[in-house]
Amino acid sequence: IAMGGIGLNHIDVEHAQSKGIEVYNVPAGS
């Protein structure tokens, strides 16, 4: 799951990771 920005509060990161899905964001991008 790729997030085009910084914030991840709208993504259930913990559930994604529990299913082996990596979650990417871009903390320095903006």
PDB file of all heavy atoms in Angstrom:
ATOM      1  N   ILE A   1       0.885  -1.166   0.000  1.00  0.00           N
ATOM      2  CA  ILE A   1       0.000   0.000   0.000  1.00  0.00           C
ATOM      3  C   ILE A   1       0.921   1.213   0.000  1.00  0.00           C
ATOM      4  O   ILE A   1       1.723   1.392   0.925  1.00  0.00           O
ATOM      5  CB  ILE A   1      -0.931   0.025   1.220  1.00  0.00           C
ATOM      6  CG1 ILE A   1      -1.876  -1.181   1.201  1.00  0.00           C
ATOM      7  CG2 ILE A   1      -1.735   1.331   1.256  1.00  0.00           C
ATOM      8  CD1 ILE A   1      -2.654  -1.366   2.492  1.00  0.00           C
ATOM      9  N   ALA A   2       0.832   2.030  -1.026  1.00  0.00           N
ATOM     10  CA  ALA A   2       1.690   3.204  -1.163  1.00  0.00           C
ATOM     11  C   ALA A   2       0.870   4.460  -0.910  1.00  0.00           C
ATOM     12  O   ALA A   2      -0.164   4.668  -1.538  1.00  0.00           O
ATOM     13  CB  ALA A   2       2.316   3.256  -2.552  1.00  0.00           C
ATOM     14  N   MET A   3       1.322   5.269   0.034  1.00  0.00           N
ATOM     15  CA  MET A   3       0.639   6.519   0.376  1.00  0.00           C
ATOM     16  C   MET A   3       1.468   7.690  -0.168  1.00  0.00           C
ATOM     17  O   MET A   3       2.616   7.871   0.227  1.00  0.00           O
ATOM     18  CB  MET A   3       0.486   6.628   1.899  1.00  0.00           C
ATOM     19  CG  MET A   3       0.225   8.018   2.441  1.00  0.00           C
ATOM     20  SD  MET A   3      -1.206   8.855   1.735  1.00  0.00           S
ATOM     21  CE  MET A   3      -1.000  10.479   2.484  1.00  0.00           C
ATOM     22  N   GLY A   4       0.855   8.466  -1.067  1.00  0.00           N
ATOM     23  CA  GLY A   4       1.557   9.579  -1.701  1.00  0.00           C
ATOM     24  C   GLY A   4       1.621  10.802  -0.816  1.00  0.00           C
ATOM     25  O   GLY A   4       1.091  11.862  -1.157  1.00  0.00           O
ATOM     26  N   GLY A   5       2.268  10.685   0.328  1.00  0.00           N
ATOM     27  CA  GLY A   5       2.407  11.796   1.266  1.00  0.00           C
ATOM     28  C   GLY A   5       2.990  11.302   2.572  1.00  0.00           C
ATOM     29  O   GLY A   5       3.643  10.252   2.627  1.00  0.00           O
ATOM     30  N   ILE A   6       2.721  12.048   3.650  1.00  0.00           N
ATOM     31  CA  ILE A   6       3.301  11.742   4.952  1.00  0.00           C
ATOM     32  C   ILE A   6       2.349  10.929   5.816  1.00  0.00           C
ATOM     33  O   ILE A   6       2.666   9.844   6.286  1.00  0.00           O
ATOM     34  CB  ILE A   6       3.672  13.041   5.698  1.00  0.00           C
ATOM     35  CG1 ILE A   6       4.695  13.850   4.898  1.00  0.00           C
ATOM     36  CG2 ILE A   6       4.232  12.716   7.082  1.00  0.00           C
ATOM     37  CD1 ILE A   6       5.007  15.198   5.508  1.00  0.00           C
ATOM     38  N   GLY A   7       1.151  11.460   6.054  1.00  0.00           N
ATOM     39  CA  GLY A   7       0.247  10.926   7.071  1.00  0.00           C
ATOM     40  C   GLY A   7      -0.279   9.542   6.759  1.00  0.00           C
ATOM     41  O   GLY A   7      -0.646   9.232   5.624  1.00  0.00           O
ATOM     42  N   LEU A   8      -0.339   8.709   7.798  1.00  0.00           N
ATOM     43  CA  LEU A   8      -0.855   7.347   7.663  1.00  0.00           C
ATOM     44  C   LEU A   8      -2.045   7.096   8.586  1.00  0.00           C
ATOM     45  O   LEU A   8      -2.451   5.950   8.766  1.00  0.00           O
ATOM     46  CB  LEU A   8       0.253   6.333   7.985  1.00  0.00           C
ATOM     47  CG  LEU A   8       1.434   6.292   7.011  1.00  0.00           C
ATOM     48  CD1 LEU A   8       2.536   5.403   7.561  1.00  0.00           C
ATOM     49  CD2 LEU A   8       0.994   5.810   5.636  1.00  0.00           C
ATOM     50  N   ASN A   9      -2.619   8.165   9.156  1.00  0.00           N
ATOM     51  CA  ASN A   9      -3.691   7.980  10.123  1.00  0.00           C
ATOM     52  C   ASN A   9      -4.981   7.466   9.473  1.00  0.00           C
ATOM     53  O   ASN A   9      -5.883   7.007  10.171  1.00  0.00           O
ATOM     54  CB  ASN A   9      -3.981   9.284  10.883  1.00  0.00           C
ATOM     55  CG  ASN A   9      -4.208  10.466   9.974  1.00  0.00           C
ATOM     56  OD1 ASN A   9      -3.300  10.894   9.274  1.00  0.00           O
ATOM     57  ND2 ASN A   9      -5.411  11.007   9.975  1.00  0.00           N
ATOM     58  N   HIS A  10      -5.074   7.507   8.143  1.00  0.00           N
ATOM     59  CA  HIS A  10      -6.253   6.985   7.441  1.00  0.00           C
ATOM     60  C   HIS A  10      -6.026   5.567   6.918  1.00  0.00           C
ATOM     61  O   HIS A  10      -6.872   5.037   6.186  1.00  0.00           O
ATOM     62  CB  HIS A  10      -6.624   7.910   6.283  1.00  0.00           C
ATOM     63  CG  HIS A  10      -5.564   8.026   5.226  1.00  0.00           C
ATOM     64  ND1 HIS A  10      -4.285   8.438   5.514  1.00  0.00           N
ATOM     65  CD2 HIS A  10      -5.587   7.773   3.892  1.00  0.00           C
ATOM     66  CE1 HIS A  10      -3.574   8.445   4.401  1.00  0.00           C
ATOM     67  NE2 HIS A  10      -4.337   8.038   3.414  1.00  0.00           N
ATOM     68  N   ILE A  11      -4.893   4.975   7.288  1.00  0.00           N
ATOM     69  CA  ILE A  11      -4.565   3.617   6.848  1.00  0.00           C
ATOM     70  C   ILE A  11      -4.383   2.732   8.079  1.00  0.00           C
ATOM     71  O   ILE A  11      -3.676   3.108   9.013  1.00  0.00           O
ATOM     72  CB  ILE A  11      -3.274   3.607   6.001  1.00  0.00           C
ATOM     73  CG1 ILE A  11      -3.472   4.448   4.728  1.00  0.00           C
ATOM     74  CG2 ILE A  11      -2.871   2.181   5.634  1.00  0.00           C
ATOM     75  CD1 ILE A  11      -2.213   4.594   3.884  1.00  0.00           C
ATOM     76  N   ASP A  12      -5.013   1.560   8.070  1.00  0.00           N
ATOM     77  CA  ASP A  12      -4.844   0.605   9.168  1.00  0.00           C
ATOM     78  C   ASP A  12      -3.526  -0.137   8.938  1.00  0.00           C
ATOM     79  O   ASP A  12      -3.496  -1.266   8.430  1.00  0.00           O
ATOM     80  CB  ASP A  12      -6.024  -0.369   9.211  1.00  0.00           C
ATOM     81  CG  ASP A  12      -6.048  -1.208  10.492  1.00  0.00           C
ATOM     82  OD1 ASP A  12      -4.971  -1.400  11.086  1.00  0.00           O
ATOM     83  OD2 ASP A  12      -7.137  -1.672  10.888  1.00  0.00           O
ATOM     84  N   VAL A  13      -2.443   0.524   9.319  1.00  0.00           N
ATOM     85  CA  VAL A  13      -1.100   0.003   9.051  1.00  0.00           C
ATOM     86  C   VAL A  13      -0.881  -1.335   9.752  1.00  0.00           C
ATOM     87  O   VAL A  13      -0.329  -2.280   9.171  1.00  0.00           O
ATOM     88  CB  VAL A  13      -0.029   1.029   9.487  1.00  0.00           C
ATOM     89  CG1 VAL A  13       1.376   0.454   9.301  1.00  0.00           C
ATOM     90  CG2 VAL A  13      -0.181   2.325   8.707  1.00  0.00           C
ATOM     91  N   GLU A  14      -1.324  -1.424  11.001  1.00  0.00           N
ATOM     92  CA  GLU A  14      -1.104  -2.640  11.773  1.00  0.00           C
ATOM     93  C   GLU A  14      -1.774  -3.845  11.111  1.00  0.00           C
ATOM     94  O   GLU A  14      -1.181  -4.933  11.012  1.00  0.00           O
ATOM     95  CB  GLU A  14      -1.637  -2.455  13.193  1.00  0.00           C
ATOM     96  CG  GLU A  14      -1.359  -3.623  14.126  1.00  0.00           C
ATOM     97  CD  GLU A  14      -1.805  -3.355  15.550  1.00  0.00           C
ATOM     98  OE1 GLU A  14      -2.109  -2.188  15.879  1.00  0.00           O
ATOM     99  OE2 GLU A  14      -1.852  -4.322  16.339  1.00  0.00           O
ATOM    100  N   HIS A  15      -3.005  -3.661  10.636  1.00  0.00           N
ATOM    101  CA  HIS A  15      -3.709  -4.778   9.994  1.00  0.00           C
ATOM    102  C   HIS A  15      -3.032  -5.155   8.674  1.00  0.00           C
ATOM    103  O   HIS A  15      -2.898  -6.347   8.357  1.00  0.00           O
ATOM    104  CB  HIS A  15      -5.166  -4.414   9.758  1.00  0.00           C
ATOM    105  CG  HIS A  15      -5.991  -5.545   9.231  1.00  0.00           C
ATOM    106  ND1 HIS A  15      -6.174  -6.721   9.926  1.00  0.00           N
ATOM    107  CD2 HIS A  15      -6.671  -5.694   8.049  1.00  0.00           C
ATOM    108  CE1 HIS A  15      -6.927  -7.543   9.216  1.00  0.00           C
ATOM    109  NE2 HIS A  15      -7.244  -6.944   8.072  1.00  0.00           N
ATOM    110  N   ALA A  16      -2.598  -4.144   7.928  1.00  0.00           N
ATOM    111  CA  ALA A  16      -1.912  -4.422   6.667  1.00  0.00           C
ATOM    112  C   ALA A  16      -0.644  -5.236   6.911  1.00  0.00           C
ATOM    113  O   ALA A  16      -0.390  -6.246   6.245  1.00  0.00           O
ATOM    114  CB  ALA A  16      -1.580  -3.113   5.952  1.00  0.00           C
ATOM    115  N   GLN A  17       0.140  -4.801   7.885  1.00  0.00           N
ATOM    116  CA  GLN A  17       1.394  -5.488   8.168  1.00  0.00           C
ATOM    117  C   GLN A  17       1.156  -6.899   8.697  1.00  0.00           C
ATOM    118  O   GLN A  17       1.946  -7.809   8.429  1.00  0.00           O
ATOM    119  CB  GLN A  17       2.225  -4.663   9.149  1.00  0.00           C
ATOM    120  CG  GLN A  17       2.734  -3.364   8.532  1.00  0.00           C
ATOM    121  CD  GLN A  17       3.460  -2.482   9.534  1.00  0.00           C
ATOM    122  OE1 GLN A  17       3.280  -2.608  10.744  1.00  0.00           O
ATOM    123  NE2 GLN A  17       4.278  -1.573   9.035  1.00  0.00           N
ATOM    124  N   SER A  18       0.052  -7.098   9.417  1.00  0.00           N
ATOM    125  CA  SER A  18      -0.254  -8.441   9.925  1.00  0.00           C
ATOM    126  C   SER A  18      -0.554  -9.411   8.795  1.00  0.00           C
ATOM    127  O   SER A  18      -0.453 -10.633   8.966  1.00  0.00           O
ATOM    128  CB  SER A  18      -1.452  -8.378  10.889  1.00  0.00           C
ATOM    129  OG  SER A  18      -2.674  -8.197  10.175  1.00  0.00           O
ATOM    130  N   LYS A  19      -0.901  -8.856   7.619  1.00  0.00           N
ATOM    131  CA  LYS A  19      -1.184  -9.692   6.459  1.00  0.00           C
ATOM    132  C   LYS A  19      -0.002  -9.724   5.487  1.00  0.00           C
ATOM    133  O   LYS A  19      -0.134 -10.201   4.351  1.00  0.00           O
ATOM    134  CB  LYS A  19      -2.432  -9.175   5.741  1.00  0.00           C
ATOM    135  CG  LYS A  19      -3.666  -9.123   6.646  1.00  0.00           C
ATOM    136  CD  LYS A  19      -4.933  -8.933   5.865  1.00  0.00           C
ATOM    137  CE  LYS A  19      -5.296 -10.191   5.110  1.00  0.00           C
ATOM    138  NZ  LYS A  19      -6.642 -10.130   4.491  1.00  0.00           N
ATOM    139  N   GLY A  20       1.136  -9.210   5.944  1.00  0.00           N
ATOM    140  CA  GLY A  20       2.331  -9.233   5.107  1.00  0.00           C
ATOM    141  C   GLY A  20       2.367  -8.165   4.043  1.00  0.00           C
ATOM    142  O   GLY A  20       3.179  -8.240   3.109  1.00  0.00           O
ATOM    143  N   ILE A  21       1.533  -7.152   4.173  1.00  0.00           N
ATOM    144  CA  ILE A  21       1.502  -6.052   3.204  1.00  0.00           C
ATOM    145  C   ILE A  21       2.383  -4.917   3.715  1.00  0.00           C
ATOM    146  O   ILE A  21       2.221  -4.460   4.851  1.00  0.00           O
ATOM    147  CB  ILE A  21       0.060  -5.542   3.002  1.00  0.00           C
ATOM    148  CG1 ILE A  21      -0.849  -6.668   2.512  1.00  0.00           C
ATOM    149  CG2 ILE A  21       0.036  -4.366   2.022  1.00  0.00           C
ATOM    150  CD1 ILE A  21      -2.335  -6.318   2.552  1.00  0.00           C
ATOM    151  N   GLU A  22       3.303  -4.466   2.901  1.00  0.00           N
ATOM    152  CA  GLU A  22       4.157  -3.343   3.284  1.00  0.00           C
ATOM    153  C   GLU A  22       3.428  -2.029   3.014  1.00  0.00           C
ATOM    154  O   GLU A  22       2.691  -1.905   2.021  1.00  0.00           O
ATOM    155  CB  GLU A  22       5.477  -3.390   2.532  1.00  0.00           C
ATOM    156  CG  GLU A  22       6.316  -4.623   2.863  1.00  0.00           C
ATOM    157  CD  GLU A  22       7.742  -4.510   2.374  1.00  0.00           C
ATOM    158  OE1 GLU A  22       8.214  -3.372   2.148  1.00  0.00           O
ATOM    159  OE2 GLU A  22       8.393  -5.557   2.223  1.00  0.00           O
ATOM    160  N   VAL A  23       3.633  -1.065   3.901  1.00  0.00           N
ATOM    161  CA  VAL A  23       3.006   0.253   3.760  1.00  0.00           C
ATOM    162  C   VAL A  23       4.105   1.293   3.580  1.00  0.00           C
ATOM    163  O   VAL A  23       4.986   1.437   4.431  1.00  0.00           O
ATOM    164  CB  VAL A  23       2.138   0.600   4.987  1.00  0.00           C
ATOM    165  CG1 VAL A  23       1.489   1.974   4.806  1.00  0.00           C
ATOM    166  CG2 VAL A  23       1.063  -0.467   5.193  1.00  0.00           C
ATOM    167  N   TYR A  24       4.061   1.988   2.454  1.00  0.00           N
ATOM    168  CA  TYR A  24       5.066   3.009   2.140  1.00  0.00           C
ATOM    169  C   TYR A  24       4.441   4.397   2.238  1.00  0.00           C
ATOM    170  O   TYR A  24       3.300   4.616   1.815  1.00  0.00           O
ATOM    171  CB  TYR A  24       5.588   2.847   0.715  1.00  0.00           C
ATOM    172  CG  TYR A  24       6.342   1.576   0.422  1.00  0.00           C
ATOM    173  CD1 TYR A  24       6.602   1.202  -0.907  1.00  0.00           C
ATOM    174  CD2 TYR A  24       6.807   0.736   1.432  1.00  0.00           C
ATOM    175  CE1 TYR A  24       7.300   0.038  -1.199  1.00  0.00           C
ATOM    176  CE2 TYR A  24       7.506  -0.427   1.149  1.00  0.00           C
ATOM    177  CZ  TYR A  24       7.746  -0.775  -0.173  1.00  0.00           C
ATOM    178  OH  TYR A  24       8.433  -1.916  -0.477  1.00  0.00           O
ATOM    179  N   ASN A  25       5.201   5.335   2.773  1.00  0.00           N
ATOM    180  CA  ASN A  25       4.857   6.750   2.651  1.00  0.00           C
ATOM    181  C   ASN A  25       6.129   7.514   2.318  1.00  0.00           C
ATOM    182  O   ASN A  25       7.179   6.910   2.105  1.00  0.00           O
ATOM    183  CB  ASN A  25       4.168   7.279   3.907  1.00  0.00           C
ATOM    184  CG  ASN A  25       5.081   7.295   5.122  1.00  0.00           C
ATOM    185  OD1 ASN A  25       6.101   6.597   5.166  1.00  0.00           O
ATOM    186  ND2 ASN A  25       4.728   8.070   6.122  1.00  0.00           N
ATOM    187  N   VAL A  26       6.050   8.843   2.261  1.00  0.00           N
ATOM    188  CA  VAL A  26       7.210   9.646   1.874  1.00  0.00           C
ATOM    189  C   VAL A  26       7.375  10.768   2.901  1.00  0.00           C
ATOM    190  O   VAL A  26       6.971  11.913   2.665  1.00  0.00           O
ATOM    191  CB  VAL A  26       7.062  10.228   0.453  1.00  0.00           C
ATOM    192  CG1 VAL A  26       8.391  10.801  -0.037  1.00  0.00           C
ATOM    193  CG2 VAL A  26       6.569   9.167  -0.515  1.00  0.00           C
ATOM    194  N   PRO A  27       7.971  10.454   4.065  1.00  0.00           N
ATOM    195  CA  PRO A  27       8.050  11.442   5.139  1.00  0.00           C
ATOM    196  C   PRO A  27       8.775  12.732   4.768  1.00  0.00           C
ATOM    197  O   PRO A  27       8.425  13.798   5.254  1.00  0.00           O
ATOM    198  CB  PRO A  27       8.804  10.683   6.239  1.00  0.00           C
ATOM    199  CG  PRO A  27       8.556   9.241   5.953  1.00  0.00           C
ATOM    200  CD  PRO A  27       8.497   9.137   4.463  1.00  0.00           C
ATOM    201  N   ALA A  28       9.775  12.635   3.891  1.00  0.00           N
ATOM    202  CA  ALA A  28      10.554  13.830   3.554  1.00  0.00           C
ATOM    203  C   ALA A  28      10.082  14.516   2.285  1.00  0.00           C
ATOM    204  O   ALA A  28      10.615  15.553   1.898  1.00  0.00           O
ATOM    205  CB  ALA A  28      12.037  13.458   3.417  1.00  0.00           C
ATOM    206  N   GLY A  29       9.063  13.942   1.638  1.00  0.00           N
ATOM    207  CA  GLY A  29       8.699  14.418   0.316  1.00  0.00           C
ATOM    208  C   GLY A  29       8.168  15.837   0.269  1.00  0.00           C
ATOM    209  O   GLY A  29       8.358  16.543  -0.719  1.00  0.00           O
ATOM    210  N   SER A  30       7.485  16.258   1.311  1.00  0.00           N
ATOM    211  CA  SER A  30       6.840  17.574   1.272  1.00  0.00           C
ATOM    212  C   SER A  30       7.362  18.509   2.356  1.00  0.00           C
ATOM    213  O   SER A  30       6.712  19.507   2.671  1.00  0.00           O
ATOM    214  CB  SER A  30       5.328  17.404   1.416  1.00  0.00           C
ATOM    215  OG  SER A  30       5.016  16.682   2.600  1.00  0.00           O
TER     216      SER A  30
END
